[in-house]
Amino acid sequence: MDLKVKVKEIKGTCSVYKLGDSFMLKDGYRLVTDIPLCMHSLAALLPHYNALRISDPDKWGLAGKDDKTKAYVQCLDPYSYTDGGIAVFEIQKMSKGGK
C-alpha cells in the first residue's frame, strides 16, 4: 500500500511547503516527489510511515477526528520561537494505481 502525504495546514510561515503540496511514499521505501522537501517533515514521518502502510491510523493515535482513515503529523519546527512555521501533514493510504 502506498501513502500520499499532503500539506493540510501551515501554522506560521513555512519556507518550503505551500498548502496542498503533496508527495508519495511508494512500496514502503521509495519517496516520490516533484516538490522540494524539508528535513523537519521527514523526521516527523519516519517513525510512522511503515506502521501506517499496514494498519489503521487509529491504532497509533494519529487518526483524524472526522476521518479515521487518515493520519496526521506535523513537522518539528518550534515556530513560536523561530518565526518559522509548522506544516501539518495528512497521510492517506492509496492503492497501487494512486487511488
N, C-alpha and C. Protein backbone atom coordinates (compact mmCIF):
# COMPACT_ATOMS: atom_id res chain seq x y z
N MET A 1 0.85 -1.18 0.00
CA MET A 1 0.00 0.00 0.00
C MET A 1 0.90 1.24 0.00
N ASP A 2 0.59 2.18 -0.85
CA ASP A 2 1.32 3.43 -0.93
C ASP A 2 0.67 4.47 -0.02
N LEU A 3 1.43 5.50 0.33
CA LEU A 3 0.91 6.59 1.15
C LEU A 3 1.05 7.91 0.41
N LYS A 4 -0.01 8.70 0.46
CA LYS A 4 0.05 10.07 -0.05
C LYS A 4 0.15 11.00 1.15
N VAL A 5 1.14 11.87 1.12
CA VAL A 5 1.36 12.84 2.20
C VAL A 5 1.05 14.22 1.62
N LYS A 6 0.08 14.90 2.23
CA LYS A 6 -0.38 16.20 1.72
C LYS A 6 -0.27 17.25 2.82
N VAL A 7 0.16 18.44 2.46
CA VAL A 7 0.21 19.56 3.41
C VAL A 7 -1.23 20.04 3.63
N LYS A 8 -1.73 19.79 4.83
CA LYS A 8 -3.11 20.10 5.18
C LYS A 8 -3.25 21.51 5.77
N GLU A 9 -2.21 21.94 6.51
CA GLU A 9 -2.28 23.23 7.19
C GLU A 9 -0.86 23.73 7.42
N ILE A 10 -0.70 25.04 7.44
CA ILE A 10 0.58 25.65 7.79
C ILE A 10 0.33 26.68 8.87
N LYS A 11 1.01 26.51 9.99
CA LYS A 11 0.92 27.47 11.09
C LYS A 11 2.18 28.33 11.03
N GLY A 12 2.02 29.62 10.97
CA GLY A 12 3.17 30.50 10.82
C GLY A 12 3.55 30.59 9.35
N THR A 13 4.85 30.69 9.06
CA THR A 13 5.34 30.84 7.71
C THR A 13 6.31 29.70 7.39
N CYS A 14 5.96 28.86 6.47
CA CYS A 14 6.82 27.75 6.05
C CYS A 14 7.58 28.18 4.80
N SER A 15 8.90 28.03 4.83
CA SER A 15 9.71 28.45 3.69
C SER A 15 9.84 27.37 2.62
N VAL A 16 9.26 26.19 2.86
CA VAL A 16 9.40 25.07 1.92
C VAL A 16 8.07 24.72 1.27
N TYR A 17 7.03 24.52 2.08
CA TYR A 17 5.76 23.99 1.57
C TYR A 17 4.71 25.07 1.38
N LYS A 18 3.78 24.76 0.46
CA LYS A 18 2.56 25.53 0.28
C LYS A 18 1.39 24.61 0.62
N LEU A 19 0.30 25.19 1.03
CA LEU A 19 -0.91 24.43 1.32
C LEU A 19 -1.29 23.59 0.10
N GLY A 20 -1.55 22.31 0.31
CA GLY A 20 -1.93 21.42 -0.79
C GLY A 20 -0.79 20.68 -1.44
N ASP A 21 0.47 21.06 -1.16
CA ASP A 21 1.61 20.30 -1.70
C ASP A 21 1.50 18.85 -1.26
N SER A 22 2.00 17.94 -2.09
CA SER A 22 1.95 16.53 -1.71
C SER A 22 3.10 15.76 -2.33
N PHE A 23 3.36 14.60 -1.74
CA PHE A 23 4.34 13.66 -2.26
C PHE A 23 3.90 12.26 -1.87
N MET A 24 4.52 11.27 -2.46
CA MET A 24 4.13 9.88 -2.26
C MET A 24 5.25 9.07 -1.60
N LEU A 25 4.87 8.10 -0.81
CA LEU A 25 5.76 7.07 -0.29
C LEU A 25 5.27 5.76 -0.90
N LYS A 26 6.03 5.24 -1.85
CA LYS A 26 5.59 4.06 -2.59
C LYS A 26 6.38 2.83 -2.18
N ASP A 27 5.68 1.70 -2.17
CA ASP A 27 6.27 0.39 -1.89
C ASP A 27 6.95 0.32 -0.54
N GLY A 28 6.66 1.24 0.36
CA GLY A 28 7.21 1.19 1.70
C GLY A 28 8.59 1.81 1.86
N TYR A 29 9.20 2.26 0.76
CA TYR A 29 10.55 2.80 0.90
C TYR A 29 10.94 3.84 -0.15
N ARG A 30 10.16 4.00 -1.20
CA ARG A 30 10.51 4.96 -2.26
C ARG A 30 9.77 6.27 -2.05
N LEU A 31 10.53 7.35 -1.91
CA LEU A 31 9.96 8.68 -1.79
C LEU A 31 9.87 9.27 -3.19
N VAL A 32 8.66 9.61 -3.63
CA VAL A 32 8.43 10.12 -4.98
C VAL A 32 7.85 11.52 -4.86
N THR A 33 8.55 12.49 -5.47
CA THR A 33 8.10 13.87 -5.34
C THR A 33 8.55 14.73 -6.51
N ASP A 34 7.76 15.76 -6.79
CA ASP A 34 8.12 16.79 -7.77
C ASP A 34 8.39 18.11 -7.06
N ILE A 35 8.29 18.12 -5.73
CA ILE A 35 8.48 19.35 -4.97
C ILE A 35 9.68 19.20 -4.04
N PRO A 36 10.27 20.31 -3.60
CA PRO A 36 11.33 20.22 -2.59
C PRO A 36 10.74 19.71 -1.28
N LEU A 37 11.56 19.01 -0.51
CA LEU A 37 11.12 18.50 0.80
C LEU A 37 11.97 19.11 1.91
N CYS A 38 11.39 19.18 3.08
CA CYS A 38 12.06 19.71 4.26
C CYS A 38 12.44 18.56 5.20
N MET A 39 13.63 18.57 5.71
CA MET A 39 14.10 17.52 6.61
C MET A 39 13.25 17.43 7.89
N HIS A 40 12.70 18.56 8.35
CA HIS A 40 11.84 18.54 9.54
C HIS A 40 10.62 17.66 9.30
N SER A 41 10.07 17.74 8.10
CA SER A 41 8.88 16.93 7.80
C SER A 41 9.24 15.45 7.71
N LEU A 42 10.37 15.14 7.13
CA LEU A 42 10.77 13.74 7.02
C LEU A 42 11.03 13.14 8.40
N ALA A 43 11.61 13.92 9.29
CA ALA A 43 11.84 13.43 10.66
C ALA A 43 10.52 13.11 11.35
N ALA A 44 9.48 13.89 11.08
CA ALA A 44 8.16 13.64 11.68
C ALA A 44 7.50 12.40 11.10
N LEU A 45 7.76 12.10 9.84
CA LEU A 45 7.12 10.96 9.16
C LEU A 45 7.82 9.63 9.43
N LEU A 46 9.13 9.66 9.59
CA LEU A 46 9.90 8.41 9.71
C LEU A 46 9.39 7.44 10.77
N PRO A 47 9.02 7.87 11.96
CA PRO A 47 8.57 6.89 12.95
C PRO A 47 7.25 6.21 12.63
N HIS A 48 6.49 6.75 11.67
CA HIS A 48 5.12 6.29 11.45
C HIS A 48 4.82 5.65 10.11
N TYR A 49 5.60 5.92 9.08
CA TYR A 49 5.15 5.59 7.73
C TYR A 49 4.96 4.09 7.51
N ASN A 50 5.83 3.24 8.03
CA ASN A 50 5.65 1.81 7.81
C ASN A 50 4.42 1.26 8.54
N ALA A 51 4.20 1.72 9.76
CA ALA A 51 3.01 1.27 10.51
C ALA A 51 1.73 1.71 9.80
N LEU A 52 1.73 2.92 9.24
CA LEU A 52 0.53 3.41 8.57
C LEU A 52 0.25 2.68 7.27
N ARG A 53 1.26 2.10 6.67
CA ARG A 53 1.06 1.33 5.44
C ARG A 53 0.25 0.06 5.71
N ILE A 54 0.43 -0.53 6.88
CA ILE A 54 -0.13 -1.86 7.12
C ILE A 54 -1.25 -1.89 8.17
N SER A 55 -1.51 -0.76 8.84
CA SER A 55 -2.57 -0.77 9.85
C SER A 55 -3.30 0.58 9.85
N ASP A 56 -4.30 0.68 10.67
CA ASP A 56 -5.13 1.88 10.72
C ASP A 56 -4.50 2.97 11.58
N PRO A 57 -4.66 4.23 11.19
CA PRO A 57 -4.11 5.34 11.97
C PRO A 57 -4.63 5.38 13.41
N ASP A 58 -5.86 4.90 13.61
CA ASP A 58 -6.46 4.89 14.94
C ASP A 58 -5.63 4.08 15.94
N LYS A 59 -5.01 3.02 15.47
CA LYS A 59 -4.19 2.16 16.35
C LYS A 59 -2.96 2.87 16.88
N TRP A 60 -2.54 3.94 16.20
CA TRP A 60 -1.31 4.64 16.57
C TRP A 60 -1.59 6.02 17.16
N GLY A 61 -2.86 6.35 17.35
CA GLY A 61 -3.22 7.65 17.91
C GLY A 61 -3.02 8.79 16.94
N LEU A 62 -3.04 8.50 15.63
CA LEU A 62 -2.79 9.51 14.61
C LEU A 62 -4.00 9.81 13.74
N ALA A 63 -5.12 9.16 14.01
CA ALA A 63 -6.32 9.32 13.18
C ALA A 63 -6.96 10.68 13.36
N GLY A 64 -7.56 11.16 12.29
CA GLY A 64 -8.27 12.42 12.34
C GLY A 64 -9.56 12.30 13.14
N LYS A 65 -10.06 13.41 13.62
CA LYS A 65 -11.30 13.42 14.40
C LYS A 65 -12.50 13.04 13.54
N ASP A 66 -12.52 13.52 12.28
CA ASP A 66 -13.67 13.30 11.42
C ASP A 66 -13.51 12.14 10.46
N ASP A 67 -12.26 11.79 10.15
CA ASP A 67 -12.00 10.71 9.19
C ASP A 67 -10.91 9.81 9.75
N LYS A 68 -11.30 8.69 10.30
CA LYS A 68 -10.37 7.78 10.97
C LYS A 68 -9.44 7.05 10.00
N THR A 69 -9.66 7.22 8.69
CA THR A 69 -8.80 6.55 7.71
C THR A 69 -7.55 7.37 7.37
N LYS A 70 -7.51 8.63 7.80
CA LYS A 70 -6.37 9.50 7.52
C LYS A 70 -5.60 9.77 8.81
N ALA A 71 -4.27 9.85 8.66
CA ALA A 71 -3.41 10.14 9.81
C ALA A 71 -2.89 11.57 9.68
N TYR A 72 -2.50 12.14 10.82
CA TYR A 72 -1.98 13.50 10.84
C TYR A 72 -0.73 13.58 11.70
N VAL A 73 0.31 14.20 11.16
CA VAL A 73 1.54 14.50 11.89
C VAL A 73 1.95 15.93 11.51
N GLN A 74 2.86 16.49 12.29
CA GLN A 74 3.35 17.83 11.96
C GLN A 74 4.86 17.86 12.04
N CYS A 75 5.45 18.82 11.35
CA CYS A 75 6.90 18.95 11.37
C CYS A 75 7.37 19.43 12.74
N LEU A 76 8.66 19.46 12.93
CA LEU A 76 9.23 19.69 14.24
C LEU A 76 9.65 21.14 14.51
N ASP A 77 9.41 22.06 13.60
CA ASP A 77 9.84 23.44 13.78
C ASP A 77 9.06 24.09 14.93
N PRO A 78 9.73 24.57 15.97
CA PRO A 78 9.05 25.26 17.07
C PRO A 78 8.75 26.71 16.70
N TYR A 79 7.80 26.90 15.79
CA TYR A 79 7.62 28.18 15.10
C TYR A 79 7.38 29.37 16.02
N SER A 80 6.81 29.19 17.18
CA SER A 80 6.58 30.34 18.05
C SER A 80 7.90 30.91 18.59
N TYR A 81 8.97 30.12 18.51
CA TYR A 81 10.28 30.59 18.95
C TYR A 81 11.20 30.97 17.79
N THR A 82 10.94 30.44 16.62
CA THR A 82 11.86 30.63 15.49
C THR A 82 11.32 31.56 14.41
N ASP A 83 10.08 31.99 14.51
CA ASP A 83 9.41 32.76 13.46
C ASP A 83 9.31 31.95 12.16
N GLY A 84 9.41 30.64 12.27
CA GLY A 84 9.26 29.76 11.12
C GLY A 84 7.81 29.34 10.99
N GLY A 85 7.60 28.08 10.66
CA GLY A 85 6.24 27.59 10.50
C GLY A 85 6.16 26.10 10.70
N ILE A 86 5.00 25.65 11.09
CA ILE A 86 4.73 24.22 11.25
C ILE A 86 3.82 23.78 10.11
N ALA A 87 4.25 22.76 9.41
CA ALA A 87 3.41 22.14 8.39
C ALA A 87 2.73 20.92 9.00
N VAL A 88 1.42 20.85 8.83
CA VAL A 88 0.64 19.69 9.29
C VAL A 88 0.36 18.84 8.06
N PHE A 89 0.64 17.55 8.18
CA PHE A 89 0.52 16.62 7.06
C PHE A 89 -0.62 15.64 7.26
N GLU A 90 -1.39 15.45 6.20
CA GLU A 90 -2.45 14.44 6.16
C GLU A 90 -1.89 13.26 5.37
N ILE A 91 -1.96 12.07 5.95
CA ILE A 91 -1.41 10.87 5.33
C ILE A 91 -2.54 9.92 5.04
N GLN A 92 -2.62 9.49 3.77
CA GLN A 92 -3.72 8.63 3.35
C GLN A 92 -3.17 7.44 2.57
N LYS A 93 -3.72 6.27 2.85
CA LYS A 93 -3.36 5.07 2.08
C LYS A 93 -3.91 5.19 0.67
N MET A 94 -3.11 4.75 -0.28
CA MET A 94 -3.52 4.78 -1.68
C MET A 94 -3.28 3.40 -2.28
N SER A 95 -4.15 3.00 -3.17
CA SER A 95 -3.92 1.73 -3.88
C SER A 95 -2.78 1.93 -4.86
N LYS A 96 -2.27 0.87 -5.41
CA LYS A 96 -1.13 0.92 -6.32
C LYS A 96 -1.38 1.82 -7.51
N GLY A 97 -2.61 2.01 -7.91
CA GLY A 97 -2.92 2.89 -9.03
C GLY A 97 -2.97 4.35 -8.63
N GLY A 98 -2.73 4.64 -7.36
CA GLY A 98 -2.74 6.03 -6.88
C GLY A 98 -4.10 6.51 -6.41
N LYS A 99 -5.05 5.59 -6.24
CA LYS A 99 -6.39 5.99 -5.81
C LYS A 99 -6.68 5.46 -4.42
